[in-house]
Amino acid sequence: MADKRKEELQKKRAKLEELRRAREDRKNTPVVKEKPPVQQQPSRKDELDAILRDLLDTKSGPKVEPVQTPEPALPEEAESTGTPGQNSTDTTGPPTTSSDTISSSDIPSSTVTSVVTRFVPEFTSFDEIVLDLPPKEIVYYTKEAQTIDTSFTPPPPSEETIREKVWKEFEAEQKIKEAAAEEQRLQLEAEKKKKEAKPNDLSDQEKKNIVLSSEFNEFVEHT
């Protein structure tokens, strides 16, 4: 059992060593990036030479080299860049043929105008995900509002304070009841004394004033 365990450990160590070596080899080997081939855009001169070569192949007769022009020939310039044999009026020389010289009149105008081409780049399409994100909220701070406004709440009253408050309310209510009872008692006593009191006799002077009063005399006369 121990030998089997030892053999498994040796295999694991060998595998780890092999992985470590492979990792070091990958680190040491320089990574060579392959550059994509650069497509060279053909010049106008090369395009003109190719067109002339195609035209010469279609005609009968021996092949001749195309006329070398310093610049891309336009219809007006092609006529002025002909060979000296065409423009001269030498009658002694042999007649020129289409196979010996090439003039701009042999080249169709449509072919010459098609030489001027533009490089069209290649377009690639890809999927684009547009996310409508809300604008970021801008928070402005002032010197007057830098702290958090917290309201102070007083602590709840204690049990002793509640008892004292209830006792004071009870005493005040008892005093009010006692004052009302005392006032009612005094009122009853006053009414009782008023009922028990005898009418007072008039003095002589009061009697004389009553007899001499005009009201009393009128009363006596009418009766």
Protein backbone atom coordinates (compact mmCIF):
# COMPACT_ATOMS: atom_id res chain seq x y z
CA MET A 1 0.00 0.00 0.00
CA ALA A 2 2.84 2.39 0.86
CA ASP A 3 4.67 1.55 -2.38
CA LYS A 4 1.56 2.34 -4.41
CA ARG A 5 1.13 5.65 -2.64
CA LYS A 6 4.80 6.48 -3.21
CA GLU A 7 4.51 5.63 -6.91
CA GLU A 8 1.47 7.92 -7.29
CA LEU A 9 3.36 10.78 -5.63
CA GLN A 10 6.29 10.31 -7.99
CA LYS A 11 3.97 10.40 -11.01
CA LYS A 12 2.36 13.61 -9.77
CA ARG A 13 5.75 15.21 -9.19
CA ALA A 14 6.93 14.22 -12.67
CA LYS A 15 3.76 15.68 -14.21
CA LEU A 16 4.17 18.93 -12.29
CA GLU A 17 7.80 19.17 -13.39
CA GLU A 18 6.77 18.64 -17.00
CA LEU A 19 4.13 21.35 -16.77
CA ARG A 20 6.63 23.74 -15.20
CA ARG A 21 9.15 23.14 -17.99
CA ALA A 22 6.49 23.67 -20.66
CA ARG A 23 5.51 26.95 -19.02
CA GLU A 24 9.14 28.13 -18.93
CA ASP A 25 9.58 27.18 -22.60
CA ARG A 26 6.52 29.23 -23.53
CA LYS A 27 7.90 32.21 -21.61
CA ASN A 28 11.33 31.97 -23.26
CA THR A 29 10.10 31.58 -26.84
CA PRO A 30 9.58 35.02 -28.43
CA VAL A 31 6.12 35.70 -29.73
CA VAL A 32 6.26 36.63 -33.38
CA LYS A 33 3.23 38.46 -34.59
CA GLU A 34 2.41 37.86 -38.20
CA LYS A 35 1.70 41.10 -39.96
CA PRO A 36 -1.18 40.99 -42.38
CA PRO A 37 -0.10 41.34 -45.99
CA VAL A 38 -0.32 44.91 -47.18
CA GLN A 39 -2.26 45.19 -50.36
CA GLN A 40 -0.38 47.49 -52.69
CA GLN A 41 -2.66 49.76 -54.60
CA PRO A 42 -1.84 49.64 -58.30
CA SER A 43 -0.68 52.94 -59.72
CA ARG A 44 -2.41 54.65 -62.61
CA LYS A 45 0.60 54.02 -64.81
CA ASP A 46 0.41 50.26 -64.25
CA GLU A 47 -3.31 50.26 -64.98
CA LEU A 48 -2.76 52.16 -68.22
CA ASP A 49 -0.03 49.71 -69.28
CA ALA A 50 -2.35 46.78 -68.60
CA ILE A 51 -5.12 48.30 -70.70
CA LEU A 52 -2.75 48.99 -73.59
CA ARG A 53 -1.41 45.45 -73.39
CA ASP A 54 -4.92 44.03 -73.59
CA LEU A 55 -5.73 46.19 -76.60
CA LEU A 56 -2.57 45.11 -78.40
CA ASP A 57 -3.33 41.45 -77.78
CA THR A 58 -6.70 41.77 -79.51
CA LYS A 59 -5.24 43.37 -82.66
CA SER A 60 -3.47 41.47 -85.43
CA GLY A 61 0.21 41.92 -85.94
CA PRO A 62 3.32 41.67 -83.85
CA LYS A 63 3.21 42.77 -80.28
CA VAL A 64 4.90 45.99 -79.37
CA GLU A 65 5.75 47.51 -76.08
CA PRO A 66 3.24 50.02 -74.67
CA VAL A 67 4.03 53.68 -74.87
CA GLN A 68 5.65 54.92 -71.68
CA THR A 69 3.92 58.05 -70.45
CA PRO A 70 5.24 60.14 -67.55
CA GLU A 71 1.75 60.76 -66.15
CA PRO A 72 -1.67 59.14 -66.44
CA ALA A 73 -2.82 60.08 -69.92
CA LEU A 74 -6.11 61.88 -70.36
CA PRO A 75 -7.89 62.15 -73.72
CA GLU A 76 -6.29 65.57 -74.47
CA GLU A 77 -2.81 64.52 -73.32
CA ALA A 78 -2.89 61.21 -75.20
CA GLU A 79 -3.15 63.03 -78.52
CA SER A 80 -0.20 65.29 -77.71
CA THR A 81 2.05 62.40 -76.60
CA GLY A 82 2.07 60.53 -79.89
CA THR A 83 5.26 59.31 -81.62
CA PRO A 84 7.27 61.70 -83.76
CA GLY A 85 6.53 59.57 -86.83
CA GLN A 86 2.86 60.35 -86.65
CA ASN A 87 3.11 64.15 -86.41
CA SER A 88 5.86 64.56 -89.07
CA THR A 89 5.01 65.02 -92.75
CA ASP A 90 7.98 63.11 -94.10
CA THR A 91 6.84 61.53 -97.41
CA THR A 92 10.09 59.72 -98.02
CA GLY A 93 9.76 57.34 -95.13
CA PRO A 94 7.77 54.15 -95.20
CA PRO A 95 4.09 54.39 -94.38
CA THR A 96 3.33 53.76 -90.77
CA THR A 97 0.98 51.00 -89.76
CA SER A 98 -1.14 50.41 -86.73
CA SER A 99 1.21 47.68 -85.62
CA ASP A 100 4.27 49.99 -85.65
CA THR A 101 2.91 52.92 -83.67
CA ILE A 102 0.01 53.40 -81.32
CA SER A 103 -1.86 56.63 -81.16
CA SER A 104 -4.38 57.78 -78.59
CA SER A 105 -7.12 57.59 -81.23
CA ASP A 106 -6.86 53.77 -81.14
CA ILE A 107 -7.80 53.79 -77.47
CA PRO A 108 -11.50 54.25 -76.77
CA SER A 109 -12.37 57.22 -74.61
CA SER A 110 -14.38 54.99 -72.29
CA THR A 111 -11.27 52.87 -71.70
CA VAL A 112 -9.10 55.87 -70.91
CA THR A 113 -11.61 57.37 -68.53
CA SER A 114 -12.00 54.07 -66.74
CA VAL A 115 -8.33 54.15 -65.78
CA VAL A 116 -8.93 56.77 -63.11
CA THR A 117 -10.29 54.59 -60.37
CA ARG A 118 -10.59 55.03 -56.65
CA PHE A 119 -9.62 52.58 -53.99
CA VAL A 120 -12.73 51.24 -52.31
CA PRO A 121 -12.04 50.10 -48.74
CA GLU A 122 -13.57 46.96 -47.37
CA PHE A 123 -16.33 47.47 -44.83
CA THR A 124 -17.10 45.04 -42.06
CA SER A 125 -20.35 44.81 -40.14
CA PHE A 126 -20.60 44.20 -36.42
CA ASP A 127 -23.31 44.20 -33.77
CA GLU A 128 -23.47 47.28 -31.61
CA ILE A 129 -25.34 47.47 -28.30
CA VAL A 130 -26.60 50.94 -27.41
CA LEU A 131 -27.21 51.50 -23.73
CA ASP A 132 -29.41 54.40 -22.66
CA LEU A 133 -27.77 55.41 -19.41
CA PRO A 134 -29.27 58.19 -17.27
CA PRO A 135 -27.14 61.31 -16.78
CA LYS A 136 -24.98 61.40 -13.70
CA GLU A 137 -26.51 63.40 -10.88
CA ILE A 138 -24.43 66.38 -9.84
CA VAL A 139 -24.59 67.20 -6.11
CA TYR A 140 -23.74 70.71 -5.00
CA TYR A 141 -22.76 71.50 -1.39
CA THR A 142 -22.92 74.85 0.36
CA LYS A 143 -21.14 76.11 3.45
CA GLU A 144 -24.41 76.35 5.34
CA ALA A 145 -25.48 72.74 4.75
CA GLN A 146 -22.50 70.53 5.58
CA THR A 147 -23.92 68.56 8.53
CA ILE A 148 -26.88 66.27 8.92
CA ASP A 149 -29.88 67.88 10.62
CA THR A 150 -30.99 65.53 13.41
CA SER A 151 -33.87 66.33 15.80
CA PHE A 152 -33.23 65.78 19.54
CA THR A 153 -35.85 63.60 21.22
CA PRO A 154 -36.00 63.77 25.03
CA PRO A 155 -35.83 60.52 26.99
CA PRO A 156 -39.10 59.02 28.26
CA PRO A 157 -40.19 60.06 31.82
CA SER A 158 -39.35 57.78 34.72
CA GLU A 159 -41.88 55.92 36.86
CA GLU A 160 -41.35 58.25 39.82
CA THR A 161 -42.06 61.32 37.69
CA ILE A 162 -45.29 59.75 36.42
CA ARG A 163 -46.45 58.95 39.95
CA GLU A 164 -45.70 62.48 41.14
CA LYS A 165 -47.62 63.97 38.23
CA VAL A 166 -50.65 61.74 38.86
CA TRP A 167 -50.62 62.62 42.59
CA LYS A 168 -50.54 66.35 41.85
CA GLU A 169 -53.46 66.04 39.45
CA PHE A 170 -55.43 64.10 42.08
CA GLU A 171 -54.74 66.74 44.76
CA ALA A 172 -55.81 69.55 42.44
CA GLU A 173 -59.04 67.72 41.62
CA GLN A 174 -59.76 67.15 45.31
CA LYS A 175 -59.19 70.83 46.09
CA ILE A 176 -61.63 71.81 43.35
CA LYS A 177 -64.25 69.43 44.73
CA GLU A 178 -63.76 70.71 48.29
CA ALA A 179 -64.05 74.34 47.18
CA ALA A 180 -67.29 73.60 45.31
CA ALA A 181 -68.73 71.77 48.32
CA GLU A 182 -67.75 74.63 50.67
CA GLU A 183 -69.33 77.20 48.37
CA GLN A 184 -72.54 75.17 48.19
CA ARG A 185 -72.62 74.82 51.98
CA LEU A 186 -72.19 78.56 52.51
CA GLN A 187 -74.95 79.29 50.02
CA LEU A 188 -77.36 76.95 51.82
CA GLU A 189 -76.53 78.53 55.17
CA ALA A 190 -77.14 82.02 53.79
CA GLU A 191 -80.52 81.01 52.41
CA LYS A 192 -81.45 79.37 55.72
CA LYS A 193 -80.49 82.47 57.71
CA LYS A 194 -82.47 84.64 55.34
CA LYS A 195 -85.57 82.55 55.90
CA GLU A 196 -85.15 82.55 59.65
CA ALA A 197 -84.50 86.30 59.94
CA LYS A 198 -87.54 88.50 61.18
CA PRO A 199 -88.48 91.78 59.47
CA ASN A 200 -87.08 94.85 61.29
CA ASP A 201 -89.50 97.51 62.75
CA LEU A 202 -89.44 101.05 61.28
CA SER A 203 -88.23 103.91 63.36
CA ASP A 204 -90.35 106.99 64.06
CA GLN A 205 -88.51 109.14 61.61
CA GLU A 206 -88.98 106.55 58.85
CA LYS A 207 -92.69 106.35 59.66
CA LYS A 208 -93.03 110.18 59.55
CA ASN A 209 -91.27 110.37 56.20
CA ILE A 210 -93.59 107.79 54.77
CA VAL A 211 -96.73 109.65 55.99
CA LEU A 212 -95.54 112.96 54.61
CA SER A 213 -94.60 111.52 51.22
CA SER A 214 -96.76 112.43 48.23
CA GLU A 215 -97.12 108.84 47.16
CA PHE A 216 -98.69 107.92 50.47
CA ASN A 217 -101.11 110.90 50.34
CA GLU A 218 -102.21 110.00 46.80
CA PHE A 219 -102.76 106.45 47.88
CA VAL A 220 -104.96 107.60 50.80
CA GLU A 221 -107.01 109.95 48.63
CA HIS A 222 -107.72 107.34 46.03
CA THR A 223 -108.73 104.80 48.59
